[in-house]
């Protein structure tokens, strides 16, 4: 008994308060932004982007980044000779429509402040989940042909640091018990039928969340004979979470956004 009390005092509660409180200290591996005042138009980033996420408008010659395709590799920031590209710590990027992740909304000016937005959803989160579903939110994770990077981050949602069960979220083994499908991967040819069957087995009302660049757009495997350019070509998607992979907090944010949709 004494040893137990000693450990409780020595090792305090490590579970984070997100999303009740915003994360203050984060590495800069979030949204990528382009300062067109510094950009010289050399096109170095266009040719070097591994996922071809950087695009240039044919008329205005303005550069933009498609976040649904971006793999957040930081290569563009490293190779830009004029320092016009920068990674930020903005990770709350989930959107209900894939078009909201396209380049038209992503170019900023030099004098604009890069601020990590925070949506105060969590004060009554558990109450809202119970009101919507009558119990905990049951989630079924579906690997539709991923590299397992996104799956590792989803697994991390259950560790003591994130502990999503404190928010009324629970992972289940069968889609027949699920309210939401967290789908990772590009929906490869061999997994397309399995994804459709899983979707059909999930009772209504149901939510589908695309997790990661591959699920959102196909990522670096886009336009391949063996993959789909996003799982929305196979099943309806309610929320898109970009990233390669998105961190657990970004996935939590996307789940909350999906609940808000209901």
C-alpha atoms as a PDB file:
ATOM      1  CA  UNK A   1       0.000   0.000   0.000  1.00  0.00           C
ATOM      2  CA  UNK A   2       2.826   2.373   0.889  1.00  0.00           C
ATOM      3  CA  UNK A   3       4.583   1.667  -2.410  1.00  0.00           C
ATOM      4  CA  UNK A   4       1.377   2.393  -4.337  1.00  0.00           C
ATOM      5  CA  UNK A   5       0.927   5.763  -2.636  1.00  0.00           C
ATOM      6  CA  UNK A   6       4.600   6.523  -3.222  1.00  0.00           C
ATOM      7  CA  UNK A   7       4.223   5.884  -6.971  1.00  0.00           C
ATOM      8  CA  UNK A   8       1.084   8.046  -7.156  1.00  0.00           C
ATOM      9  CA  UNK A   9       3.005  10.942  -5.625  1.00  0.00           C
ATOM     10  CA  UNK A  10       6.115  10.333  -7.721  1.00  0.00           C
ATOM     11  CA  UNK A  11       4.310   9.941 -11.052  1.00  0.00           C
ATOM     12  CA  UNK A  12       1.523  12.535 -11.367  1.00  0.00           C
ATOM     13  CA  UNK A  13      -1.339  12.370 -13.844  1.00  0.00           C
ATOM     14  CA  UNK A  14       0.119  12.698 -17.347  1.00  0.00           C
ATOM     15  CA  UNK A  15      -3.143  12.787 -19.281  1.00  0.00           C
ATOM     16  CA  UNK A  16      -3.400  15.961 -21.338  1.00  0.00           C
ATOM     17  CA  UNK A  17      -6.298  18.397 -21.096  1.00  0.00           C
ATOM     18  CA  UNK A  18      -6.768  18.752 -24.861  1.00  0.00           C
ATOM     19  CA  UNK A  19      -9.268  19.639 -26.201  1.00  0.00           C
ATOM     20  CA  UNK A  20     -10.511  21.285 -23.005  1.00  0.00           C
ATOM     21  CA  UNK A  21      -7.342  23.371 -23.149  1.00  0.00           C
ATOM     22  CA  UNK A  22      -5.303  24.241 -26.218  1.00  0.00           C
ATOM     23  CA  UNK A  23      -1.885  22.646 -26.655  1.00  0.00           C
ATOM     24  CA  UNK A  24       0.688  25.382 -26.091  1.00  0.00           C
ATOM     25  CA  UNK A  25       3.936  23.660 -27.027  1.00  0.00           C
ATOM     26  CA  UNK A  26       3.988  21.834 -30.346  1.00  0.00           C
ATOM     27  CA  UNK A  27       6.632  20.983 -32.962  1.00  0.00           C
ATOM     28  CA  UNK A  28       6.322  22.852 -36.262  1.00  0.00           C
ATOM     29  CA  UNK A  29       5.041  19.969 -38.325  1.00  0.00           C
ATOM     30  CA  UNK A  30       1.590  21.325 -39.052  1.00  0.00           C
ATOM     31  CA  UNK A  31       0.079  23.400 -41.840  1.00  0.00           C
ATOM     32  CA  UNK A  32       2.523  24.687 -44.458  1.00  0.00           C
ATOM     33  CA  UNK A  33       2.139  28.302 -45.581  1.00  0.00           C
ATOM     34  CA  UNK A  34       3.653  30.294 -48.442  1.00  0.00           C
ATOM     35  CA  UNK A  35       4.632  33.973 -48.209  1.00  0.00           C
ATOM     36  CA  UNK A  36       4.142  35.270 -51.746  1.00  0.00           C
ATOM     37  CA  UNK A  37       5.989  38.489 -50.896  1.00  0.00           C
ATOM     38  CA  UNK A  38       9.166  36.466 -50.492  1.00  0.00           C
ATOM     39  CA  UNK A  39       8.499  33.956 -53.267  1.00  0.00           C
ATOM     40  CA  UNK A  40      10.654  34.514 -56.384  1.00  0.00           C
ATOM     41  CA  UNK A  41       8.726  32.060 -58.534  1.00  0.00           C
ATOM     42  CA  UNK A  42      11.740  29.807 -59.098  1.00  0.00           C
ATOM     43  CA  UNK A  43       9.559  26.683 -59.058  1.00  0.00           C
ATOM     44  CA  UNK A  44      12.034  24.617 -57.048  1.00  0.00           C
ATOM     45  CA  UNK A  45       9.324  23.478 -54.634  1.00  0.00           C
ATOM     46  CA  UNK A  46       7.000  22.513 -57.503  1.00  0.00           C
ATOM     47  CA  UNK A  47       9.486  20.056 -58.908  1.00  0.00           C
ATOM     48  CA  UNK A  48      10.670  18.617 -55.605  1.00  0.00           C
ATOM     49  CA  UNK A  49       7.365  18.050 -53.762  1.00  0.00           C
ATOM     50  CA  UNK A  50       7.065  14.242 -53.423  1.00  0.00           C
ATOM     51  CA  UNK A  51       3.256  14.278 -53.386  1.00  0.00           C
ATOM     52  CA  UNK A  52       2.839  17.119 -55.914  1.00  0.00           C
ATOM     53  CA  UNK A  53       0.812  19.019 -53.336  1.00  0.00           C
ATOM     54  CA  UNK A  54       2.229  22.419 -54.349  1.00  0.00           C
ATOM     55  CA  UNK A  55       0.389  23.962 -57.278  1.00  0.00           C
ATOM     56  CA  UNK A  56       0.634  27.219 -59.233  1.00  0.00           C
ATOM     57  CA  UNK A  57      -2.329  29.153 -60.550  1.00  0.00           C
ATOM     58  CA  UNK A  58      -2.001  29.464 -64.324  1.00  0.00           C
ATOM     59  CA  UNK A  59      -3.286  33.049 -64.411  1.00  0.00           C
ATOM     60  CA  UNK A  60      -2.058  34.698 -61.222  1.00  0.00           C
ATOM     61  CA  UNK A  61       1.127  32.569 -60.895  1.00  0.00           C
ATOM     62  CA  UNK A  62       0.390  32.325 -57.175  1.00  0.00           C
ATOM     63  CA  UNK A  63       1.570  29.181 -55.390  1.00  0.00           C
ATOM     64  CA  UNK A  64      -0.670  27.177 -53.083  1.00  0.00           C
ATOM     65  CA  UNK A  65      -0.602  23.890 -51.186  1.00  0.00           C
ATOM     66  CA  UNK A  66      -3.279  21.206 -51.343  1.00  0.00           C
ATOM     67  CA  UNK A  67      -3.418  20.028 -47.732  1.00  0.00           C
ATOM     68  CA  UNK A  68      -5.403  16.923 -48.633  1.00  0.00           C
ATOM     69  CA  UNK A  69      -2.365  15.753 -50.640  1.00  0.00           C
ATOM     70  CA  UNK A  70       0.482  17.224 -48.553  1.00  0.00           C
ATOM     71  CA  UNK A  71       2.509  14.687 -46.530  1.00  0.00           C
ATOM     72  CA  UNK A  72       4.049  17.365 -44.248  1.00  0.00           C
ATOM     73  CA  UNK A  73       7.574  16.204 -45.080  1.00  0.00           C
ATOM     74  CA  UNK A  74       9.071  19.738 -44.596  1.00  0.00           C
ATOM     75  CA  UNK A  75      11.119  19.353 -47.805  1.00  0.00           C
ATOM     76  CA  UNK A  76       9.611  22.493 -49.366  1.00  0.00           C
ATOM     77  CA  UNK A  77      10.677  24.585 -46.383  1.00  0.00           C
ATOM     78  CA  UNK A  78      14.203  23.156 -46.505  1.00  0.00           C
ATOM     79  CA  UNK A  79      14.819  23.702 -50.224  1.00  0.00           C
ATOM     80  CA  UNK A  80      13.116  27.082 -50.743  1.00  0.00           C
ATOM     81  CA  UNK A  81      16.032  29.451 -51.585  1.00  0.00           C
ATOM     82  CA  UNK A  82      14.097  32.575 -50.573  1.00  0.00           C
ATOM     83  CA  UNK A  83      12.628  31.238 -47.325  1.00  0.00           C
ATOM     84  CA  UNK A  84       9.071  31.829 -48.526  1.00  0.00           C
ATOM     85  CA  UNK A  85       7.720  28.512 -47.249  1.00  0.00           C
ATOM     86  CA  UNK A  86       7.310  27.791 -43.568  1.00  0.00           C
ATOM     87  CA  UNK A  87       5.855  24.988 -41.468  1.00  0.00           C
ATOM     88  CA  UNK A  88       3.575  26.017 -38.624  1.00  0.00           C
ATOM     89  CA  UNK A  89       2.273  24.183 -35.567  1.00  0.00           C
ATOM     90  CA  UNK A  90      -1.333  24.457 -36.755  1.00  0.00           C
ATOM     91  CA  UNK A  91      -2.709  20.918 -36.621  1.00  0.00           C
ATOM     92  CA  UNK A  92      -6.468  21.497 -36.316  1.00  0.00           C
ATOM     93  CA  UNK A  93      -7.036  21.152 -40.056  1.00  0.00           C
ATOM     94  CA  UNK A  94      -9.991  18.760 -40.372  1.00  0.00           C
ATOM     95  CA  UNK A  95     -12.708  19.899 -42.771  1.00  0.00           C
ATOM     96  CA  UNK A  96     -16.146  18.638 -43.700  1.00  0.00           C
ATOM     97  CA  UNK A  97     -15.493  19.294 -47.400  1.00  0.00           C
ATOM     98  CA  UNK A  98     -12.364  18.244 -49.222  1.00  0.00           C
ATOM     99  CA  UNK A  99     -12.430  21.416 -51.310  1.00  0.00           C
ATOM    100  CA  UNK A 100     -11.747  23.414 -48.124  1.00  0.00           C
ATOM    101  CA  UNK A 101      -8.296  21.782 -48.021  1.00  0.00           C
ATOM    102  CA  UNK A 102      -7.366  22.890 -51.534  1.00  0.00           C
ATOM    103  CA  UNK A 103      -4.836  25.609 -52.333  1.00  0.00           C
ATOM    104  CA  UNK A 104      -7.164  28.594 -52.770  1.00  0.00           C
ATOM    105  CA  UNK A 105      -7.427  29.075 -48.992  1.00  0.00           C
ATOM    106  CA  UNK A 106      -3.813  28.431 -48.035  1.00  0.00           C
ATOM    107  CA  UNK A 107      -1.715  31.374 -49.281  1.00  0.00           C
ATOM    108  CA  UNK A 108      -0.911  34.042 -46.677  1.00  0.00           C
ATOM    109  CA  UNK A 109       0.784  37.411 -46.799  1.00  0.00           C
ATOM    110  CA  UNK A 110       3.925  38.290 -44.871  1.00  0.00           C
ATOM    111  CA  UNK A 111       2.185  40.627 -42.443  1.00  0.00           C
ATOM    112  CA  UNK A 112      -0.439  38.069 -41.440  1.00  0.00           C
ATOM    113  CA  UNK A 113       0.033  36.361 -38.091  1.00  0.00           C
ATOM    114  CA  UNK A 114       0.082  32.586 -38.097  1.00  0.00           C
ATOM    115  CA  UNK A 115      -2.284  31.619 -35.320  1.00  0.00           C
ATOM    116  CA  UNK A 116      -3.326  28.132 -34.283  1.00  0.00           C
ATOM    117  CA  UNK A 117      -7.130  28.280 -34.140  1.00  0.00           C
ATOM    118  CA  UNK A 118      -8.850  26.651 -31.218  1.00  0.00           C
ATOM    119  CA  UNK A 119     -12.477  25.652 -31.208  1.00  0.00           C
ATOM    120  CA  UNK A 120     -13.887  25.442 -27.696  1.00  0.00           C
ATOM    121  CA  UNK A 121     -15.923  22.284 -28.104  1.00  0.00           C
ATOM    122  CA  UNK A 122     -15.033  20.221 -25.085  1.00  0.00           C
ATOM    123  CA  UNK A 123     -16.706  21.755 -22.068  1.00  0.00           C
ATOM    124  CA  UNK A 124     -19.817  19.655 -22.633  1.00  0.00           C
ATOM    125  CA  UNK A 125     -18.385  17.077 -25.028  1.00  0.00           C
ATOM    126  CA  UNK A 126     -19.372  13.953 -23.103  1.00  0.00           C
ATOM    127  CA  UNK A 127     -22.851  15.397 -22.571  1.00  0.00           C
ATOM    128  CA  UNK A 128     -23.190  16.067 -26.312  1.00  0.00           C
ATOM    129  CA  UNK A 129     -22.078  12.557 -27.268  1.00  0.00           C
ATOM    130  CA  UNK A 130     -24.552  10.996 -24.848  1.00  0.00           C
ATOM    131  CA  UNK A 131     -27.317  13.278 -26.107  1.00  0.00           C
ATOM    132  CA  UNK A 132     -26.616  12.320 -29.738  1.00  0.00           C
ATOM    133  CA  UNK A 133     -25.984   8.595 -29.338  1.00  0.00           C
ATOM    134  CA  UNK A 134     -27.498   7.827 -25.939  1.00  0.00           C
ATOM    135  CA  UNK A 135     -24.154   6.379 -24.778  1.00  0.00           C
ATOM    136  CA  UNK A 136     -20.441   6.535 -25.622  1.00  0.00           C
ATOM    137  CA  UNK A 137     -19.349   7.208 -29.195  1.00  0.00           C
ATOM    138  CA  UNK A 138     -18.383   3.817 -30.617  1.00  0.00           C
ATOM    139  CA  UNK A 139     -15.601   3.958 -33.198  1.00  0.00           C
ATOM    140  CA  UNK A 140     -14.452   1.266 -35.613  1.00  0.00           C
ATOM    141  CA  UNK A 141     -11.012   1.799 -37.179  1.00  0.00           C
ATOM    142  CA  UNK A 142     -10.677   0.525 -40.765  1.00  0.00           C
ATOM    143  CA  UNK A 143      -7.301   0.009 -42.452  1.00  0.00           C
ATOM    144  CA  UNK A 144      -8.082   0.265 -46.162  1.00  0.00           C
ATOM    145  CA  UNK A 145      -4.498  -0.297 -47.315  1.00  0.00           C
ATOM    146  CA  UNK A 146      -2.346   2.119 -45.307  1.00  0.00           C
ATOM    147  CA  UNK A 147       1.344   2.040 -44.364  1.00  0.00           C
ATOM    148  CA  UNK A 148       0.130   1.854 -40.721  1.00  0.00           C
ATOM    149  CA  UNK A 149       1.468   5.314 -39.869  1.00  0.00           C
ATOM    150  CA  UNK A 150      -2.033   6.712 -39.312  1.00  0.00           C
ATOM    151  CA  UNK A 151      -3.027   3.515 -37.511  1.00  0.00           C
ATOM    152  CA  UNK A 152      -0.200   3.996 -35.011  1.00  0.00           C
ATOM    153  CA  UNK A 153      -1.460   7.511 -34.281  1.00  0.00           C
ATOM    154  CA  UNK A 154      -5.001   6.199 -33.818  1.00  0.00           C
ATOM    155  CA  UNK A 155      -3.639   3.594 -31.387  1.00  0.00           C
ATOM    156  CA  UNK A 156      -1.897   6.413 -29.518  1.00  0.00           C
ATOM    157  CA  UNK A 157      -5.299   7.978 -28.846  1.00  0.00           C
ATOM    158  CA  UNK A 158      -5.857   5.206 -26.299  1.00  0.00           C
ATOM    159  CA  UNK A 159      -2.600   5.658 -24.392  1.00  0.00           C
ATOM    160  CA  UNK A 160      -2.512   7.340 -20.962  1.00  0.00           C
ATOM    161  CA  UNK A 161      -1.388  10.662 -22.455  1.00  0.00           C
ATOM    162  CA  UNK A 162      -4.398  11.081 -24.784  1.00  0.00           C
ATOM    163  CA  UNK A 163      -6.965   8.702 -23.220  1.00  0.00           C
ATOM    164  CA  UNK A 164      -9.944   9.377 -25.513  1.00  0.00           C
ATOM    165  CA  UNK A 165     -12.217   7.278 -23.322  1.00  0.00           C
ATOM    166  CA  UNK A 166     -12.274  10.215 -20.887  1.00  0.00           C
ATOM    167  CA  UNK A 167     -14.156  12.051 -23.677  1.00  0.00           C
ATOM    168  CA  UNK A 168     -16.795   9.374 -24.088  1.00  0.00           C
ATOM    169  CA  UNK A 169     -15.168   7.693 -27.110  1.00  0.00           C
ATOM    170  CA  UNK A 170     -14.722   3.951 -27.290  1.00  0.00           C
ATOM    171  CA  UNK A 171     -13.202   1.677 -29.969  1.00  0.00           C
ATOM    172  CA  UNK A 172     -15.190  -1.435 -30.865  1.00  0.00           C
ATOM    173  CA  UNK A 173     -14.270  -4.632 -32.686  1.00  0.00           C
ATOM    174  CA  UNK A 174     -17.244  -4.822 -35.032  1.00  0.00           C
ATOM    175  CA  UNK A 175     -18.747  -2.245 -37.410  1.00  0.00           C
ATOM    176  CA  UNK A 176     -22.184  -3.485 -36.317  1.00  0.00           C
ATOM    177  CA  UNK A 177     -21.543  -1.819 -32.947  1.00  0.00           C
ATOM    178  CA  UNK A 178     -20.045   1.375 -34.399  1.00  0.00           C
ATOM    179  CA  UNK A 179     -21.313   4.913 -34.808  1.00  0.00           C
ATOM    180  CA  UNK A 180     -18.232   6.127 -36.667  1.00  0.00           C
ATOM    181  CA  UNK A 181     -15.664   4.651 -39.055  1.00  0.00           C
ATOM    182  CA  UNK A 182     -12.097   5.983 -38.891  1.00  0.00           C
ATOM    183  CA  UNK A 183     -10.674   4.992 -42.272  1.00  0.00           C
ATOM    184  CA  UNK A 184      -6.962   5.017 -43.105  1.00  0.00           C
ATOM    185  CA  UNK A 185      -5.200   4.116 -46.334  1.00  0.00           C
ATOM    186  CA  UNK A 186      -5.870   4.653 -50.011  1.00  0.00           C
ATOM    187  CA  UNK A 187      -8.630   2.050 -50.408  1.00  0.00           C
ATOM    188  CA  UNK A 188      -6.502  -0.319 -52.463  1.00  0.00           C
ATOM    189  CA  UNK A 189      -8.145  -2.580 -55.003  1.00  0.00           C
ATOM    190  CA  UNK A 190      -8.055  -5.534 -52.611  1.00  0.00           C
ATOM    191  CA  UNK A 191      -9.635  -3.471 -49.792  1.00  0.00           C
ATOM    192  CA  UNK A 192     -12.369  -1.648 -51.684  1.00  0.00           C
ATOM    193  CA  UNK A 193     -14.963  -4.396 -51.278  1.00  0.00           C
ATOM    194  CA  UNK A 194     -14.020  -4.841 -47.611  1.00  0.00           C
ATOM    195  CA  UNK A 195     -14.487  -1.098 -47.025  1.00  0.00           C
ATOM    196  CA  UNK A 196     -17.898  -1.137 -48.714  1.00  0.00           C
ATOM    197  CA  UNK A 197     -19.022  -4.142 -46.669  1.00  0.00           C
ATOM    198  CA  UNK A 198     -17.818  -2.493 -43.467  1.00  0.00           C
ATOM    199  CA  UNK A 199     -19.702   0.681 -44.328  1.00  0.00           C
ATOM    200  CA  UNK A 200     -22.884  -1.244 -45.102  1.00  0.00           C
ATOM    201  CA  UNK A 201     -22.584  -3.210 -41.845  1.00  0.00           C
ATOM    202  CA  UNK A 202     -22.457  -0.020 -39.770  1.00  0.00           C
ATOM    203  CA  UNK A 203     -25.938   0.984 -38.578  1.00  0.00           C
ATOM    204  CA  UNK A 204     -27.415   4.409 -39.329  1.00  0.00           C
ATOM    205  CA  UNK A 205     -26.861   7.155 -38.378  1.00  0.00           C
ATOM    206  CA  UNK A 206     -23.157   6.728 -39.055  1.00  0.00           C
ATOM    207  CA  UNK A 207     -20.170   8.957 -39.647  1.00  0.00           C
ATOM    208  CA  UNK A 208     -17.114   8.335 -41.820  1.00  0.00           C
ATOM    209  CA  UNK A 209     -13.832  10.142 -41.145  1.00  0.00           C
ATOM    210  CA  UNK A 210     -10.933   9.958 -43.612  1.00  0.00           C
ATOM    211  CA  UNK A 211      -7.671   9.927 -41.653  1.00  0.00           C
ATOM    212  CA  UNK A 212      -4.451  10.959 -43.379  1.00  0.00           C
ATOM    213  CA  UNK A 213      -3.401  12.102 -46.840  1.00  0.00           C
ATOM    214  CA  UNK A 214      -3.913   8.664 -48.374  1.00  0.00           C
ATOM    215  CA  UNK A 215      -7.529   8.440 -47.239  1.00  0.00           C
ATOM    216  CA  UNK A 216      -8.192  12.063 -48.199  1.00  0.00           C
ATOM    217  CA  UNK A 217      -6.697  12.091 -51.688  1.00  0.00           C
ATOM    218  CA  UNK A 218      -4.492   9.058 -52.290  1.00  0.00           C
ATOM    219  CA  UNK A 219      -1.393  10.902 -51.038  1.00  0.00           C
ATOM    220  CA  UNK A 220       1.844   9.878 -52.687  1.00  0.00           C
ATOM    221  CA  UNK A 221       0.050   6.835 -54.146  1.00  0.00           C
ATOM    222  CA  UNK A 222      -2.406   9.010 -56.057  1.00  0.00           C
ATOM    223  CA  UNK A 223      -3.253   8.038 -59.659  1.00  0.00           C
ATOM    224  CA  UNK A 224      -1.921   4.513 -59.169  1.00  0.00           C
ATOM    225  CA  UNK A 225      -3.672   1.563 -60.825  1.00  0.00           C
ATOM    226  CA  UNK A 226      -3.932  -0.178 -57.454  1.00  0.00           C
ATOM    227  CA  UNK A 227      -5.397   2.630 -55.329  1.00  0.00           C
ATOM    228  CA  UNK A 228      -8.269   5.082 -55.118  1.00  0.00           C
ATOM    229  CA  UNK A 229      -7.733   8.839 -55.123  1.00  0.00           C
ATOM    230  CA  UNK A 230      -9.354   9.156 -51.725  1.00  0.00           C
ATOM    231  CA  UNK A 231     -11.873   6.923 -50.014  1.00  0.00           C
ATOM    232  CA  UNK A 232     -14.687   9.314 -50.979  1.00  0.00           C
ATOM    233  CA  UNK A 233     -14.648   7.532 -54.328  1.00  0.00           C
ATOM    234  CA  UNK A 234     -15.770   4.401 -52.462  1.00  0.00           C
ATOM    235  CA  UNK A 235     -17.908   5.563 -49.521  1.00  0.00           C
ATOM    236  CA  UNK A 236     -19.353   8.922 -48.394  1.00  0.00           C
ATOM    237  CA  UNK A 237     -17.012  10.931 -46.140  1.00  0.00           C
ATOM    238  CA  UNK A 238     -18.175  13.365 -43.464  1.00  0.00           C
ATOM    239  CA  UNK A 239     -14.827  14.806 -42.331  1.00  0.00           C
ATOM    240  CA  UNK A 240     -11.318  14.832 -43.836  1.00  0.00           C
ATOM    241  CA  UNK A 241      -8.243  14.897 -41.556  1.00  0.00           C
ATOM    242  CA  UNK A 242      -5.059  15.742 -43.526  1.00  0.00           C
ATOM    243  CA  UNK A 243      -1.578  14.708 -42.448  1.00  0.00           C
ATOM    244  CA  UNK A 244       1.007  11.990 -42.973  1.00  0.00           C
ATOM    245  CA  UNK A 245       0.237  10.928 -40.376  1.00  0.00           C
ATOM    246  CA  UNK A 246      -1.980  13.353 -38.435  1.00  0.00           C
ATOM    247  CA  UNK A 247      -1.104  13.479 -34.750  1.00  0.00           C
ATOM    248  CA  UNK A 248      -3.616  12.064 -32.226  1.00  0.00           C
ATOM    249  CA  UNK A 249      -4.838  15.537 -31.272  1.00  0.00           C
ATOM    250  CA  UNK A 250      -5.595  16.301 -34.927  1.00  0.00           C
ATOM    251  CA  UNK A 251      -7.653  13.109 -35.132  1.00  0.00           C
ATOM    252  CA  UNK A 252      -9.513  14.029 -31.939  1.00  0.00           C
ATOM    253  CA  UNK A 253     -10.258  17.435 -33.454  1.00  0.00           C
ATOM    254  CA  UNK A 254     -11.610  15.764 -36.615  1.00  0.00           C
ATOM    255  CA  UNK A 255     -13.830  13.461 -34.572  1.00  0.00           C
ATOM    256  CA  UNK A 256     -15.240  16.438 -32.686  1.00  0.00           C
ATOM    257  CA  UNK A 257     -15.905  18.201 -35.984  1.00  0.00           C
ATOM    258  CA  UNK A 258     -17.805  15.129 -37.203  1.00  0.00           C
ATOM    259  CA  UNK A 259     -19.914  15.103 -34.031  1.00  0.00           C
ATOM    260  CA  UNK A 260     -20.627  18.793 -34.567  1.00  0.00           C
ATOM    261  CA  UNK A 261     -21.956  17.907 -38.021  1.00  0.00           C
ATOM    262  CA  UNK A 262     -24.637  15.746 -36.445  1.00  0.00           C
END
